[in-house]
Amino acid sequence: MSQGSATVIAMGHLLGYARVSTTDQQPHLQVDALKHARCYRVFTETASGACTDRPVLEQVWTSFAPATP
């Protein structure tokens, strides 16, 4: 996987995350690799590597985090 890709196992399913740094870049190669890895769902985001605010990545984490009572 490329540097901007990640997989997370959630409830028996793989979730994929693909990130590119600029709108000129296309995440399709990362997305294809994540789908080939049988990710149940793939999230994509455009965010600079220097940027720490990643709302889509936060969505990935919260999609499998247990609910707090």
Protein backbone atom coordinates (compact mmCIF):
# COMPACT_ATOMS: atom_id res chain seq x y z
CA MET A 1 0.00 0.00 0.00
CA SER A 2 1.12 3.51 -0.58
CA GLN A 3 2.00 5.88 2.20
CA GLY A 4 -1.43 7.55 2.27
CA SER A 5 -3.38 4.29 2.55
CA ALA A 6 -4.46 2.35 5.58
CA THR A 7 -6.74 -0.52 6.48
CA VAL A 8 -8.61 -1.02 9.73
CA ILE A 9 -10.48 -4.14 10.79
CA ALA A 10 -13.91 -3.26 12.17
CA MET A 11 -16.42 -5.90 13.24
CA GLY A 12 -14.88 -8.46 10.90
CA HIS A 13 -14.73 -6.03 7.97
CA LEU A 14 -11.77 -4.13 6.59
CA LEU A 15 -12.17 -0.38 6.29
CA GLY A 16 -9.82 1.41 3.90
CA TYR A 17 -8.51 4.97 3.97
CA ALA A 18 -6.86 6.61 0.97
CA ARG A 19 -5.36 10.08 1.16
CA VAL A 20 -3.84 12.35 -1.45
CA SER A 21 -2.18 15.67 -0.73
CA THR A 22 -3.63 17.87 -3.47
CA THR A 23 -6.67 17.99 -5.72
CA ASP A 24 -4.30 17.45 -8.67
CA GLN A 25 -3.60 13.94 -7.38
CA GLN A 26 -5.96 11.03 -7.87
CA PRO A 27 -6.52 8.37 -5.18
CA HIS A 28 -7.73 5.71 -7.64
CA LEU A 29 -4.59 3.53 -7.37
CA GLN A 30 -4.86 3.53 -3.58
CA VAL A 31 -8.60 2.83 -3.76
CA ASP A 32 -8.00 -0.04 -6.21
CA ALA A 33 -5.38 -1.54 -3.87
CA LEU A 34 -7.70 -1.25 -0.87
CA LYS A 35 -10.56 -2.87 -2.79
CA HIS A 36 -8.20 -5.62 -3.90
CA ALA A 37 -7.41 -6.13 -0.19
CA ARG A 38 -11.17 -6.73 0.20
CA CYS A 39 -11.96 -3.59 2.16
CA TYR A 40 -15.65 -3.46 2.97
CA ARG A 41 -15.69 0.33 2.65
CA VAL A 42 -13.08 2.78 1.37
CA PHE A 43 -12.88 6.38 2.58
CA THR A 44 -10.95 8.95 0.55
CA GLU A 45 -9.61 12.33 1.57
CA THR A 46 -7.57 15.17 0.13
CA ALA A 47 -5.35 16.64 2.85
CA SER A 48 -1.79 17.84 2.99
CA GLY A 49 0.64 15.67 4.92
CA ALA A 50 1.40 18.71 7.08
CA CYS A 51 -2.29 19.13 7.92
CA THR A 52 -3.35 17.47 11.17
CA ASP A 53 -7.08 18.07 10.65
CA ARG A 54 -8.41 14.98 8.86
CA PRO A 55 -12.20 14.81 9.19
CA VAL A 56 -12.55 11.73 6.96
CA LEU A 57 -9.92 9.83 8.98
CA GLU A 58 -11.82 10.78 12.13
CA GLN A 59 -14.96 9.35 10.48
CA VAL A 60 -13.11 6.07 9.88
CA TRP A 61 -12.06 5.84 13.52
CA THR A 62 -15.51 6.69 14.87
CA SER A 63 -17.24 4.26 12.51
CA PHE A 64 -15.87 1.31 14.45
CA ALA A 65 -15.31 2.78 17.91
CA PRO A 66 -17.62 1.45 20.61
CA ALA A 67 -20.36 3.82 21.68
CA THR A 68 -19.80 5.44 25.04
CA PRO A 69 -22.70 5.22 27.48
